[in-house]
Protein backbone atom coordinates (compact mmCIF):
# COMPACT_ATOMS: atom_id res chain seq x y z
CA MET A 1 17.43 1.17 5.71
CA GLY A 2 16.55 3.56 3.35
CA GLN A 3 14.55 6.70 3.28
CA ARG A 4 11.75 5.48 1.12
CA ARG A 5 11.38 1.85 2.61
CA LYS A 6 10.80 3.69 6.13
CA ALA A 7 8.31 5.82 4.73
CA ARG A 8 6.56 2.63 3.16
CA GLU A 9 6.83 1.07 6.32
CA LEU A 10 5.19 4.11 7.80
CA ALA A 11 2.40 4.13 5.57
CA ALA A 12 1.62 0.68 5.56
CA GLN A 13 2.00 1.15 9.73
CA THR A 14 -0.71 4.23 9.41
CA LEU A 15 -3.00 2.03 7.32
CA TYR A 16 -2.69 -1.07 9.60
CA ALA A 17 -3.77 1.48 12.40
CA LEU A 18 -6.57 2.92 10.33
CA SER A 19 -7.99 -0.27 9.53
CA PHE A 20 -9.19 -0.50 13.50
CA ARG A 21 -11.59 2.85 13.33
CA GLU A 22 -14.84 2.59 12.26
CA PHE A 23 -16.17 4.62 9.27
CA ASN A 24 -19.57 5.43 8.04
CA PRO A 25 -19.50 3.63 4.56
CA GLU A 26 -20.94 6.92 2.87
CA TYR A 27 -18.29 9.25 4.18
CA SER A 28 -15.45 6.65 4.41
CA GLU A 29 -13.01 8.53 2.19
CA TYR A 30 -13.75 12.01 3.50
CA GLU A 31 -13.35 10.41 7.00
CA MET A 32 -10.34 8.34 6.59
CA LEU A 33 -8.46 11.50 4.74
CA ASN A 34 -9.34 13.26 8.14
CA ALA A 35 -8.23 10.57 10.44
CA TYR A 36 -4.96 9.60 9.09
CA PRO A 37 -2.74 12.69 9.53
CA GLU A 38 -3.18 12.41 13.34
CA ILE A 39 -1.85 8.67 13.25
CA LEU A 40 0.86 9.08 10.72
CA GLU A 41 1.96 11.99 12.85
CA GLU A 42 2.11 9.76 16.01
CA LEU A 43 3.75 6.69 14.31
CA ALA A 44 6.51 9.23 13.20
CA GLU A 45 6.99 10.49 16.29
CA VAL A 46 7.34 7.45 18.15
CA ASP A 47 10.15 6.83 15.01
CA GLY A 48 11.85 10.15 15.72
CA LEU A 49 10.68 11.40 12.43
CA ALA A 50 9.82 15.01 12.23
CA ASN A 51 6.65 16.13 10.23
CA PHE A 52 8.26 17.87 7.56
CA SER A 53 10.99 14.83 6.92
CA GLU A 54 11.07 13.53 3.36
CA VAL A 55 10.10 10.11 4.85
CA PHE A 56 6.92 11.75 6.32
CA ALA A 57 6.12 13.23 3.14
CA PHE A 58 6.49 10.43 1.18
CA ALA A 59 4.58 8.25 3.64
CA ASN A 60 1.93 10.94 4.05
CA ASP A 61 1.46 10.55 -0.02
CA LEU A 62 1.29 6.76 0.15
CA VAL A 63 -1.56 6.83 2.37
CA MET A 64 -3.43 9.88 0.92
CA ASN A 65 -3.02 8.51 -2.62
CA TYR A 66 -4.15 5.10 -1.10
CA ILE A 67 -7.69 6.38 0.23
CA LEU A 68 -8.19 8.36 -2.95
CA HIS A 69 -7.72 5.56 -4.82
CA GLN A 70 -8.88 2.78 -2.53
CA LYS A 71 -11.52 1.17 -4.89
CA ASP A 72 -9.68 0.68 -7.74
CA ILE A 73 -6.27 -0.85 -5.89
CA GLU A 74 -8.61 -3.59 -3.82
CA LYS A 75 -10.20 -4.34 -7.10
CA GLU A 76 -7.07 -5.15 -8.57
CA ILE A 77 -5.92 -6.91 -5.50
CA GLU A 78 -8.79 -8.96 -5.40
CA LYS A 79 -8.60 -9.97 -8.85
CA HIS A 80 -5.18 -11.47 -8.69
CA SER A 81 -5.50 -12.96 -5.22
CA GLU A 82 -6.80 -16.40 -6.00
CA ASN A 83 -9.34 -18.15 -3.32
CA TRP A 84 -8.58 -14.93 -1.36
CA THR A 85 -10.66 -12.00 -0.69
CA ILE A 86 -9.66 -8.63 0.89
CA LYS A 87 -11.26 -9.41 4.08
CA ARG A 88 -9.82 -12.86 4.36
CA MET A 89 -6.24 -11.38 4.45
CA SER A 90 -4.12 -10.07 7.63
CA THR A 91 -4.90 -6.59 8.17
CA LEU A 92 -1.08 -5.88 8.18
CA ASP A 93 -0.59 -7.96 4.86
CA ARG A 94 -3.45 -6.09 3.30
CA SER A 95 -1.62 -3.15 4.34
CA ILE A 96 1.40 -3.80 2.59
CA LEU A 97 -0.22 -4.63 -0.66
CA TYR A 98 -2.34 -1.45 -0.57
CA ILE A 99 0.94 0.69 -0.71
CA ALA A 100 2.68 -1.60 -3.19
CA VAL A 101 -0.32 -1.61 -5.34
CA TYR A 102 -1.06 2.05 -5.52
CA GLU A 103 2.77 2.22 -6.26
CA LEU A 104 2.57 -0.51 -9.08
CA MET A 105 -0.55 1.77 -10.69
CA PHE A 106 0.32 5.33 -10.29
CA THR A 107 3.75 5.98 -9.63
CA ASP A 108 6.70 5.56 -12.21
CA THR A 109 9.02 3.35 -9.27
CA PRO A 110 10.17 0.58 -11.19
CA PRO A 111 8.04 -2.56 -10.55
CA PRO A 112 11.04 -4.53 -9.23
CA VAL A 113 11.74 -2.11 -6.69
CA ILE A 114 8.07 -1.89 -5.27
CA ILE A 115 7.94 -5.68 -5.20
CA ASN A 116 11.26 -6.00 -3.71
CA GLU A 117 10.30 -3.31 -0.86
CA ALA A 118 6.97 -4.75 0.06
CA LEU A 119 8.56 -8.23 0.55
CA GLU A 120 11.26 -6.77 2.40
CA ILE A 121 8.88 -4.87 4.70
CA ALA A 122 6.87 -8.20 4.83
CA LYS A 123 10.06 -10.07 6.46
CA ARG A 124 10.23 -7.51 8.96
CA PHE A 125 6.62 -7.50 10.24
CA CYS A 126 4.97 -10.41 8.93
CA GLY A 127 4.79 -14.08 9.52
CA THR A 128 6.58 -16.96 7.61
CA GLY A 129 4.72 -17.51 4.03
CA THR A 130 3.54 -13.75 3.78
CA GLY A 131 6.11 -13.13 1.13
CA LYS A 132 5.47 -15.89 -0.86
CA PHE A 133 1.67 -14.69 -1.06
CA LEU A 134 2.80 -11.02 -1.83
CA ASN A 135 5.12 -11.62 -3.98
CA GLY A 136 2.25 -13.76 -5.84
CA VAL A 137 -0.09 -11.41 -6.23
CA LEU A 138 2.07 -8.39 -6.89
CA ASP A 139 3.52 -9.71 -9.62
CA ALA A 140 0.28 -10.83 -11.09
CA VAL A 141 -0.86 -7.49 -10.58
CA ASN A 142 2.16 -6.07 -12.42
CA LYS A 143 2.19 -8.65 -15.14
CA ASP A 144 -1.73 -7.58 -15.79
CA LEU A 145 -1.06 -3.89 -15.68
CA ARG A 146 2.18 -4.14 -17.96
CA GLU A 147 -0.04 -6.21 -20.51
CA SER A 148 -2.94 -3.38 -20.48
CA GLU A 149 -0.17 -0.58 -21.14
CA LYS A 150 1.11 -2.35 -24.05
CA ILE A 151 -2.32 -2.97 -25.28
CA LYS A 152 -3.02 0.70 -25.10
CA GLY A 153 0.24 1.24 -26.49
CA ASP A 154 -0.59 -1.11 -29.53
CA LYS A 155 -3.92 0.81 -30.46
CA ILE A 156 -2.42 4.07 -30.59
């Protein structure tokens, strides 16, 4: 398994664990930013990863940036998950989607790589049928984002 996939797994596991904590809605972003490092460190330690490793640094970046862009990411997921609300999705499916959609929206990583990584993580941790669901949502998000980029480019 590659270093980046391990980091994505660690980030998804961190968001999964974070989802079971209760946060004051008024301060949830602030509280999540304060709470996640401890969870990430514990999970990294279980996996034998040092806090200064590349895997840890990339996982930290993914989690922190998801939290900072949470509202935009969740809107994008809701928009492209037909007949599903975020709350109806399994917590682990959501966690994987959060990481992948963050990357689709805000990084230069090629979309096929992001989608494939999410599907491989889902194969490892989730039930059957999850891959098809995640693939559908991520493909729709990707197409929409690429189309909006094309429109922006045409206007310049």
